[in-house]
C-alpha cells in the first residue's frame, strides 16, 4: 500500500499567480531541500547562493517572501536583510531568517535590522509551513490595504475633479451674482444710493438694490435669504428679478394706477405679496428677511417696512443716530402674515442705512458678536466720510473686529443720501 503524499498549502488568491519566494543559502543542498518543499506547497521559488547575489536579484525582481540563512560566507543574512529593507519597494517583503541562534539578544538584533520571523535550523517542515502561512496572511492583509488605498486614491481623484469643476462653476456663478448689483452707486438727483455686497463664500444669499417708481419716488431695499450657498444664491437671483427696475412688468412692487400711470404697492403690501408668493407659489424651505423703503425725492417722506431684517439706521445730518422699524416676521414663514409700516421724513443731509445681520452678528476671535450698538459705534467714528467711503471703512473695521478672519456670513448694506429737491 503506497504512502499518500504530504498535505500541501497553496496560496489561492483569487486565481493570482503563486507568491514569489527567494531562498538564500550558501549550501546548495540546503537550498535544494527548501526549494522542493516550497514548490510542493505552491510557491514560485528562486535560489541565490549568497547575500550579494540575492541583493542583486531583489533589485531587478519582486519577491513577496525571503528565506535567508543567517550565517553565510561574505554578506551575512542579517546584513542582507538590512540592505533589502533599504531598497525602494512598492510592496512589503516578508523576511524570514534561518538560524541556529537562540539568544534573545541576537533575535532582538535580527528584528532591529528588519527581520519579520525566525526559523530554527535544522528546519522543521511543519514549523516552516506554519511560519509561511502566517507571513502569507500578513501579506494578504497588506495586499488588501494596498488595493483599498488604490480605490481611495482613485475616488479622491474623481472627487477632486468634481470639486474643481464645481469650483469653476461657483466662480462663474459669483461673477453672475455680482451683476445683480451692477451699479454700486446710483444718482437719483435728489438722492443717491451707495451699495455694498460681500458674500462669505463663492456665492451668497444677500441682496441690496434700488429701483425707480416714477419721477418723484424711488425704492431701496435689502434682502437676506436664509442659508448659504447655491440655493440661497438662486433665491436672491429670483428676488432680484422681482424687484428689478429694468423689468417693470415683472416687478412685484409695481402696478398700474387708476389713471393708467405706473404706481407701486405700499411697502407693507409688497411684503405681504412676497410672503404669499413664497408660501403659495415657490414653496421651498427657505425664507428671507427684508428691509424695504419707498422714498419721495421731492418731499423726503419715507415709508419703511421691516420684515425680520436688522433695524434700519437713520443717520441724521446733525450726527444723531436712530434705529427705525418694528422688527416684524421674516418673509415665507407664516401664512397671511401682516407687516407694519414706519413712516418718517428725511431732511436734506440725512442718510438711511439698510444693513444685513452679517454685520451685527459678525463674531470676534473670542466669539463675541459685534451687535447693533457695536455697529453704531463703527458708524459714528466714520460719519465724516461720504457714503461709499463709509461702507468701505465699515468693511475694514469689521474685518479688524473679526481678527482678519473670513466673515462667516454674507455682509451687505445700502446707504441712501437724501439731498432734497434741488
Protein backbone atom coordinates (compact mmCIF):
# COMPACT_ATOMS: atom_id res chain seq x y z
CA UNK A 1 0.00 0.00 0.00
CA UNK A 2 1.55 3.31 -1.11
CA UNK A 3 2.07 6.24 1.28
CA UNK A 4 -0.13 9.28 0.45
CA UNK A 5 1.75 12.48 -0.37
CA UNK A 6 2.05 15.06 2.40
CA UNK A 7 -0.63 17.75 2.63
CA UNK A 8 0.25 20.88 0.73
CA UNK A 9 -0.55 24.53 1.32
CA UNK A 10 -1.31 26.66 -1.72
CA UNK A 11 -1.83 30.42 -1.79
CA UNK A 12 -5.06 30.68 -3.74
CA UNK A 13 -5.53 34.45 -4.11
CA UNK A 14 -8.50 34.53 -6.48
CA UNK A 15 -6.55 32.99 -9.36
CA UNK A 16 -3.43 35.15 -8.91
CA UNK A 17 -0.03 33.54 -9.66
CA UNK A 18 1.90 31.83 -6.82
CA UNK A 19 3.75 34.12 -4.45
CA UNK A 20 7.41 34.52 -5.44
CA UNK A 21 9.85 33.31 -2.77
CA UNK A 22 13.63 33.83 -2.69
CA UNK A 23 15.71 31.17 -0.89
CA UNK A 24 19.17 32.40 0.11
CA UNK A 25 21.77 29.92 1.45
CA UNK A 26 25.42 29.22 0.65
CA UNK A 27 24.66 25.50 0.98
CA UNK A 28 23.40 24.15 -2.34
CA UNK A 29 21.95 21.08 -0.61
CA UNK A 30 20.00 23.18 1.88
CA UNK A 31 18.66 25.36 -0.94
CA UNK A 32 17.57 22.27 -2.86
CA UNK A 33 15.67 20.85 0.13
CA UNK A 34 13.87 24.15 0.74
CA UNK A 35 13.13 24.60 -2.97
CA UNK A 36 11.46 21.20 -3.20
CA UNK A 37 9.32 21.82 -0.14
CA UNK A 38 8.24 25.30 -1.18
CA UNK A 39 7.43 24.25 -4.73
CA UNK A 40 5.29 21.42 -3.39
CA UNK A 41 3.43 23.97 -1.22
CA UNK A 42 2.61 26.12 -4.22
CA UNK A 43 5.26 28.86 -4.14
CA UNK A 44 7.31 30.20 -7.06
CA UNK A 45 10.88 29.66 -5.85
CA UNK A 46 14.12 31.40 -6.87
CA UNK A 47 17.51 30.46 -5.37
CA UNK A 48 20.57 32.54 -4.51
CA UNK A 49 23.89 31.21 -3.19
CA UNK A 50 24.99 34.37 -1.36
CA UNK A 51 23.68 37.60 0.12
CA UNK A 52 25.31 39.59 -2.68
CA UNK A 53 23.60 37.50 -5.37
CA UNK A 54 20.28 37.72 -3.53
CA UNK A 55 20.51 41.53 -3.24
CA UNK A 56 21.19 41.82 -6.97
CA UNK A 57 18.13 39.66 -7.72
CA UNK A 58 15.97 41.81 -5.42
CA UNK A 59 16.97 44.91 -7.38
CA UNK A 60 15.50 43.51 -10.60
CA UNK A 61 12.71 41.20 -9.44
CA UNK A 62 9.95 41.39 -6.83
CA UNK A 63 9.78 38.74 -4.07
CA UNK A 64 6.98 38.51 -1.55
CA UNK A 65 8.90 36.27 0.86
CA UNK A 66 12.63 35.95 1.60
CA UNK A 67 14.07 32.86 3.34
CA UNK A 68 17.68 33.59 4.18
CA UNK A 69 20.31 31.75 6.17
CA UNK A 70 21.85 33.93 8.90
CA UNK A 71 25.45 32.66 8.72
CA UNK A 72 26.82 32.83 5.16
CA UNK A 73 30.19 33.49 3.56
CA UNK A 74 30.58 37.15 2.63
CA UNK A 75 27.37 39.12 3.31
CA UNK A 76 25.56 37.61 6.27
CA UNK A 77 21.82 37.10 6.33
CA UNK A 78 21.50 39.96 8.80
CA UNK A 79 23.45 42.32 6.52
CA UNK A 80 21.38 41.21 3.53
CA UNK A 81 18.17 41.85 5.50
CA UNK A 82 19.28 45.37 6.33
CA UNK A 83 20.26 46.06 2.70
CA UNK A 84 16.98 44.54 1.46
CA UNK A 85 14.95 46.87 3.68
CA UNK A 86 16.82 49.86 2.22
CA UNK A 87 15.73 49.01 -1.34
CA UNK A 88 12.94 51.10 -2.87
CA UNK A 89 9.87 48.86 -2.97
CA UNK A 90 6.17 49.49 -3.56
CA UNK A 91 5.03 46.35 -1.72
CA UNK A 92 6.20 44.80 1.51
CA UNK A 93 8.58 41.81 1.57
CA UNK A 94 8.24 39.27 4.38
CA UNK A 95 11.75 38.34 5.63
CA UNK A 96 12.45 35.08 7.49
CA UNK A 97 15.91 34.31 8.90
CA UNK A 98 17.02 30.67 9.13
CA UNK A 99 19.32 30.37 12.12
CA UNK A 100 20.65 28.15 14.84
CA UNK A 101 20.93 31.22 17.10
CA UNK A 102 18.58 31.26 20.03
CA UNK A 103 19.91 34.03 22.28
CA UNK A 104 17.33 36.76 22.94
CA UNK A 105 19.86 39.49 22.22
CA UNK A 106 20.63 38.03 18.79
CA UNK A 107 16.94 37.59 17.99
CA UNK A 108 16.33 41.22 19.01
CA UNK A 109 19.23 42.28 16.77
CA UNK A 110 17.59 40.47 13.85
CA UNK A 111 14.28 42.20 14.48
CA UNK A 112 16.04 45.57 14.70
CA UNK A 113 17.54 45.01 11.24
CA UNK A 114 14.15 44.28 9.70
CA UNK A 115 13.54 40.54 10.03
CA UNK A 116 9.89 39.52 10.45
CA UNK A 117 10.34 35.97 11.71
CA UNK A 118 12.86 33.23 12.54
CA UNK A 119 13.02 29.51 11.84
CA UNK A 120 15.48 27.36 13.77
CA UNK A 121 17.92 25.10 11.94
CA UNK A 122 17.68 22.28 11.16
CA UNK A 123 14.43 23.41 9.54
CA UNK A 124 11.30 21.55 10.56
CA UNK A 125 8.89 21.36 7.61
CA UNK A 126 5.74 21.78 9.68
CA UNK A 127 7.16 24.79 11.52
CA UNK A 128 8.34 26.38 8.27
CA UNK A 129 4.95 25.84 6.64
CA UNK A 130 3.21 27.44 9.66
CA UNK A 131 5.57 30.43 9.55
CA UNK A 132 4.95 30.88 5.84
CA UNK A 133 1.20 30.72 6.33
CA UNK A 134 1.50 33.46 8.95
CA UNK A 135 3.59 35.57 6.58
CA UNK A 136 1.15 34.95 3.72
CA UNK A 137 -1.76 36.15 5.86
CA UNK A 138 0.13 39.32 6.67
CA UNK A 139 0.97 39.86 3.00
CA UNK A 140 -2.68 39.21 2.11
CA UNK A 141 -3.79 41.91 4.52
CA UNK A 142 -1.16 44.23 3.07
CA UNK A 143 -2.45 43.49 -0.45
CA UNK A 144 -5.97 44.35 0.68
CA UNK A 145 -4.76 47.61 2.19
CA UNK A 146 -2.89 48.50 -0.99
CA UNK A 147 -5.99 47.80 -3.08
CA UNK A 148 -8.19 49.81 -0.74
CA UNK A 149 -5.71 52.67 -0.81
CA UNK A 150 -5.73 52.50 -4.60
CA UNK A 151 -9.51 52.69 -4.62
CA UNK A 152 -9.43 55.56 -2.12
CA UNK A 153 -6.87 57.42 -4.24
CA UNK A 154 -8.93 56.81 -7.37
CA UNK A 155 -12.09 58.00 -5.61
CA UNK A 156 -10.31 61.06 -4.21
CA UNK A 157 -9.04 61.85 -7.69
CA UNK A 158 -12.58 61.71 -9.07
CA UNK A 159 -13.87 63.81 -6.16
CA UNK A 160 -11.10 66.34 -6.73
CA UNK A 161 -12.04 66.57 -10.41
CA UNK A 162 -15.69 67.08 -9.43
CA UNK A 163 -14.68 69.68 -6.85
CA UNK A 164 -12.52 71.53 -9.39
CA UNK A 165 -15.41 71.54 -11.85
CA UNK A 166 -17.83 72.74 -9.15
CA UNK A 167 -15.35 75.37 -8.02
CA UNK A 168 -15.08 76.73 -11.57
CA UNK A 169 -18.87 76.79 -11.83
CA UNK A 170 -19.15 78.63 -8.49
CA UNK A 171 -16.58 81.20 -9.59
CA UNK A 172 -18.66 81.87 -12.68
CA UNK A 173 -21.82 81.92 -10.52
CA UNK A 174 -20.21 84.55 -8.30
CA UNK A 175 -19.45 86.70 -11.32
CA UNK A 176 -23.06 86.38 -12.42
CA UNK A 177 -24.36 87.17 -8.95
CA UNK A 178 -22.22 90.29 -8.78
CA UNK A 179 -24.02 91.53 -11.89
CA UNK A 180 -27.23 91.60 -9.83
CA UNK A 181 -25.71 94.63 -8.13
CA UNK A 182 -24.13 96.05 -11.26
CA UNK A 183 -24.31 99.68 -10.11
CA UNK A 184 -22.65 100.23 -6.74
CA UNK A 185 -23.62 103.91 -6.81
CA UNK A 186 -26.79 105.46 -8.24
CA UNK A 187 -27.66 109.11 -8.51
CA UNK A 188 -31.38 109.98 -8.49
CA UNK A 189 -30.86 113.72 -8.46
CA UNK A 190 -32.43 114.46 -5.07
CA UNK A 191 -30.70 111.46 -3.56
CA UNK A 192 -28.01 108.82 -4.12
CA UNK A 193 -27.65 105.16 -3.18
CA UNK A 194 -24.31 103.51 -2.34
CA UNK A 195 -24.29 99.71 -2.20
CA UNK A 196 -22.01 97.11 -0.59
CA UNK A 197 -22.16 93.32 -1.12
CA UNK A 198 -19.58 90.85 0.21
CA UNK A 199 -20.54 87.14 0.05
CA UNK A 200 -18.93 84.90 2.68
CA UNK A 201 -18.37 82.13 0.09
CA UNK A 202 -18.35 81.88 -3.67
CA UNK A 203 -22.00 82.90 -3.77
CA UNK A 204 -24.28 84.30 -1.11
CA UNK A 205 -27.84 84.98 -0.08
CA UNK A 206 -27.70 88.75 0.44
CA UNK A 207 -29.06 91.31 -1.98
CA UNK A 208 -29.27 95.10 -1.94
CA UNK A 209 -30.73 97.30 -4.64
CA UNK A 210 -32.99 100.11 -5.74
CA UNK A 211 -35.44 100.96 -8.49
CA UNK A 212 -37.43 103.97 -9.68
CA UNK A 213 -41.21 104.13 -9.35
CA UNK A 214 -41.68 107.46 -11.11
CA UNK A 215 -40.06 110.90 -11.29
CA UNK A 216 -40.77 111.56 -7.61
CA UNK A 217 -40.32 108.17 -5.92
CA UNK A 218 -37.61 105.55 -5.58
CA UNK A 219 -37.34 102.31 -3.62
CA UNK A 220 -34.33 101.00 -1.77
CA UNK A 221 -34.26 97.51 -0.29
CA UNK A 222 -32.06 94.90 1.41
CA UNK A 223 -32.69 91.15 1.43
CA UNK A 224 -31.05 88.30 3.35
CA UNK A 225 -32.07 84.77 2.29
CA UNK A 226 -31.73 82.00 4.89
CA UNK A 227 -28.82 79.60 4.50
CA UNK A 228 -25.75 79.88 2.33
CA UNK A 229 -24.52 78.64 -1.00
CA UNK A 230 -26.16 77.88 -4.30
CA UNK A 231 -29.77 77.53 -3.10
CA UNK A 232 -29.66 80.93 -1.38
CA UNK A 233 -27.96 82.50 -4.39
CA UNK A 234 -30.68 81.17 -6.71
CA UNK A 235 -33.35 82.68 -4.47
CA UNK A 236 -31.60 86.07 -4.45
CA UNK A 237 -31.43 85.92 -8.27
CA UNK A 238 -35.18 85.38 -8.41
CA UNK A 239 -35.84 88.19 -5.93
CA UNK A 240 -33.55 90.48 -7.93
CA UNK A 241 -35.82 89.90 -10.93
CA UNK A 242 -38.94 90.54 -8.84
CA UNK A 243 -37.52 93.84 -7.56
CA UNK A 244 -35.87 94.99 -10.76
CA UNK A 245 -36.37 98.43 -12.18
CA UNK A 246 -35.25 97.18 -15.57
CA UNK A 247 -38.26 94.85 -15.92
CA UNK A 248 -41.18 96.89 -14.64
CA UNK A 249 -43.76 94.38 -15.85
CA UNK A 250 -42.08 91.67 -13.75
CA UNK A 251 -41.56 93.83 -10.65
CA UNK A 252 -43.79 92.55 -7.85
CA UNK A 253 -43.87 96.02 -6.25
CA UNK A 254 -45.12 97.93 -9.27
CA UNK A 255 -48.66 98.22 -10.56
CA UNK A 256 -50.73 100.37 -12.88
CA UNK A 257 -52.73 103.10 -11.14
CA UNK A 258 -56.38 104.05 -11.81
CA UNK A 259 -55.22 106.76 -14.22
CA UNK A 260 -53.10 104.29 -16.20
CA UNK A 261 -49.84 105.59 -14.83
CA UNK A 262 -47.13 103.42 -13.25
CA UNK A 263 -47.66 103.15 -9.50
CA UNK A 264 -46.41 100.96 -6.66
CA UNK A 265 -47.85 98.90 -3.84
CA UNK A 266 -47.21 100.24 -0.38
CA UNK A 267 -44.17 98.67 1.36
CA UNK A 268 -46.32 96.57 3.73
CA UNK A 269 -48.31 95.29 0.74
CA UNK A 270 -45.09 94.40 -1.07
CA UNK A 271 -44.00 92.33 1.95
CA UNK A 272 -47.40 90.57 2.02
CA UNK A 273 -47.23 89.83 -1.72
CA UNK A 274 -43.75 88.37 -1.35
CA UNK A 275 -44.90 86.29 1.63
CA UNK A 276 -47.81 84.81 -0.36
CA UNK A 277 -45.52 84.11 -3.29
CA UNK A 278 -43.05 82.22 -1.06
CA UNK A 279 -45.72 80.08 0.60
CA UNK A 280 -48.13 79.52 -2.27
CA UNK A 281 -46.02 79.59 -5.43
CA UNK A 282 -42.37 78.87 -4.67
CA UNK A 283 -42.99 76.51 -1.72
CA UNK A 284 -39.41 75.92 -0.56
CA UNK A 285 -37.97 75.59 2.93
CA UNK A 286 -36.17 78.91 2.63
CA UNK A 287 -37.28 82.26 3.98
CA UNK A 288 -35.75 85.71 3.88
CA UNK A 289 -35.63 88.95 5.80
CA UNK A 290 -36.38 92.27 4.17
CA UNK A 291 -35.94 95.99 4.72
CA UNK A 292 -37.83 97.95 2.07
CA UNK A 293 -38.32 101.72 1.89
CA UNK A 294 -40.15 103.97 -0.53
CA UNK A 295 -38.69 107.50 -0.61
CA UNK A 296 -40.35 110.58 -2.07
CA UNK A 297 -37.46 112.51 -3.61
CA UNK A 298 -39.38 115.76 -3.65
CA UNK A 299 -40.57 115.85 -0.03
CA UNK A 300 -38.32 113.29 1.75
CA UNK A 301 -41.41 111.43 3.00
CA UNK A 302 -40.39 107.81 3.54
CA UNK A 303 -42.41 104.68 4.21
CA UNK A 304 -40.49 101.66 5.52
CA UNK A 305 -41.32 98.01 6.20
CA UNK A 306 -39.02 95.80 8.25
CA UNK A 307 -39.57 92.03 7.97
CA UNK A 308 -37.11 90.30 10.29
CA UNK A 309 -34.19 92.33 8.94
CA UNK A 310 -31.86 94.26 11.31
CA UNK A 311 -33.24 97.70 12.18
CA UNK A 312 -32.55 100.30 9.50
CA UNK A 313 -30.41 103.17 10.78
CA UNK A 314 -31.18 106.84 10.24
CA UNK A 315 -28.00 108.93 10.23
CA UNK A 316 -29.22 112.47 10.88
CA UNK A 317 -27.32 115.38 9.41
CA UNK A 318 -26.64 116.68 12.92
CA UNK A 319 -24.83 113.42 13.85
CA UNK A 320 -27.65 111.77 15.78
CA UNK A 321 -28.10 108.05 15.00
CA UNK A 322 -31.55 106.48 15.28
CA UNK A 323 -32.79 102.91 14.87
CA UNK A 324 -36.03 102.54 12.87
CA UNK A 325 -38.61 99.83 12.25
CA UNK A 326 -40.84 97.47 14.20
CA UNK A 327 -38.97 94.19 13.70
CA UNK A 328 -41.62 92.05 12.05
CA UNK A 329 -41.67 88.45 10.83
CA UNK A 330 -39.37 87.19 8.04
CA UNK A 331 -40.92 86.55 4.65
CA UNK A 332 -42.04 82.99 3.92
CA UNK A 333 -42.69 81.62 7.41
CA UNK A 334 -46.35 82.29 8.30
CA UNK A 335 -49.39 82.25 6.03
CA UNK A 336 -51.39 85.51 5.94
CA UNK A 337 -48.70 87.36 7.90
CA UNK A 338 -49.19 91.12 8.12
CA UNK A 339 -46.47 93.73 8.27
CA UNK A 340 -46.36 97.17 9.88
CA UNK A 341 -45.03 100.30 8.21
CA UNK A 342 -42.88 103.01 9.71
CA UNK A 343 -43.27 106.49 8.25
CA UNK A 344 -40.85 109.39 8.70
CA UNK A 345 -39.40 112.28 6.74
CA UNK A 346 -35.84 112.56 5.54
CA UNK A 347 -34.25 116.02 5.75
CA UNK A 348 -31.56 117.18 3.34
CA UNK A 349 -28.25 115.72 4.57
CA UNK A 350 -29.89 112.72 6.29
CA UNK A 351 -28.80 109.21 5.36
CA UNK A 352 -30.80 105.96 5.61
CA UNK A 353 -28.70 102.81 6.17
CA UNK A 354 -30.02 99.28 5.46
CA UNK A 355 -27.68 96.54 6.70
CA UNK A 356 -27.66 92.73 6.91
CA UNK A 357 -27.12 90.69 10.06
CA UNK A 358 -23.76 89.61 8.65
CA UNK A 359 -22.53 92.89 10.16
CA UNK A 360 -24.31 92.88 13.50
CA UNK A 361 -23.71 89.16 14.10
CA UNK A 362 -20.07 89.17 12.98
CA UNK A 363 -18.03 87.40 15.72
CA UNK A 364 -14.70 88.45 17.19
CA UNK A 365 -11.94 85.83 17.63
CA UNK A 366 -13.28 85.37 21.19
CA UNK A 367 -16.77 84.61 19.83
CA UNK A 368 -18.45 87.88 20.87
CA UNK A 369 -20.84 89.37 18.30
CA UNK A 370 -20.44 92.98 17.18
CA UNK A 371 -24.12 93.71 17.88
CA UNK A 372 -26.23 96.69 16.89
CA UNK A 373 -24.50 99.04 19.33
CA UNK A 374 -21.09 97.95 18.14
CA UNK A 375 -22.10 98.67 14.57
CA UNK A 376 -23.43 102.10 15.58
CA UNK A 377 -20.07 102.84 17.22
CA UNK A 378 -18.28 101.98 13.98
CA UNK A 379 -20.68 104.20 12.05
CA UNK A 380 -20.23 107.07 14.46
CA UNK A 381 -16.45 107.13 14.13
CA UNK A 382 -16.75 107.19 10.31
CA UNK A 383 -19.60 109.70 9.94
CA UNK A 384 -17.44 112.41 8.29
CA UNK A 385 -16.86 110.10 5.29
CA UNK A 386 -19.13 110.12 2.26
CA UNK A 387 -21.37 107.08 1.89
CA UNK A 388 -19.20 104.93 -0.46
CA UNK A 389 -16.19 105.62 1.77
CA UNK A 390 -18.27 104.93 4.88
CA UNK A 391 -19.26 101.48 3.57
CA UNK A 392 -15.63 100.70 2.71
CA UNK A 393 -14.46 101.84 6.16
CA UNK A 394 -17.17 99.71 7.78
CA UNK A 395 -15.83 96.64 5.95
CA UNK A 396 -12.28 97.38 7.09
CA UNK A 397 -13.36 97.92 10.70
CA UNK A 398 -15.48 94.77 10.61
CA UNK A 399 -12.54 92.78 9.30
CA UNK A 400 -10.39 94.15 12.11
CA UNK A 401 -13.07 93.23 14.69
CA UNK A 402 -13.15 89.68 13.26
CA UNK A 403 -9.39 89.40 13.70
CA UNK A 404 -8.73 89.31 9.97
CA UNK A 405 -10.70 86.08 9.57
CA UNK A 406 -13.15 85.42 6.75
CA UNK A 407 -16.67 86.58 7.51
CA UNK A 408 -18.89 83.61 8.46
CA UNK A 409 -21.95 85.26 6.87
CA UNK A 410 -22.64 87.48 3.89
CA UNK A 411 -22.13 91.19 4.57
CA UNK A 412 -24.23 93.74 2.72
CA UNK A 413 -25.51 97.25 3.14
CA UNK A 414 -27.02 100.23 1.35
CA UNK A 415 -26.82 103.92 2.28
CA UNK A 416 -29.33 106.35 0.78
CA UNK A 417 -28.26 110.01 0.93
CA UNK A 418 -31.11 112.49 0.74
CA UNK A 419 -30.08 115.81 -0.76
CA UNK A 420 -33.53 117.35 -1.07
CA UNK A 421 -35.41 118.69 -4.04
CA UNK A 422 -32.97 120.89 -5.98
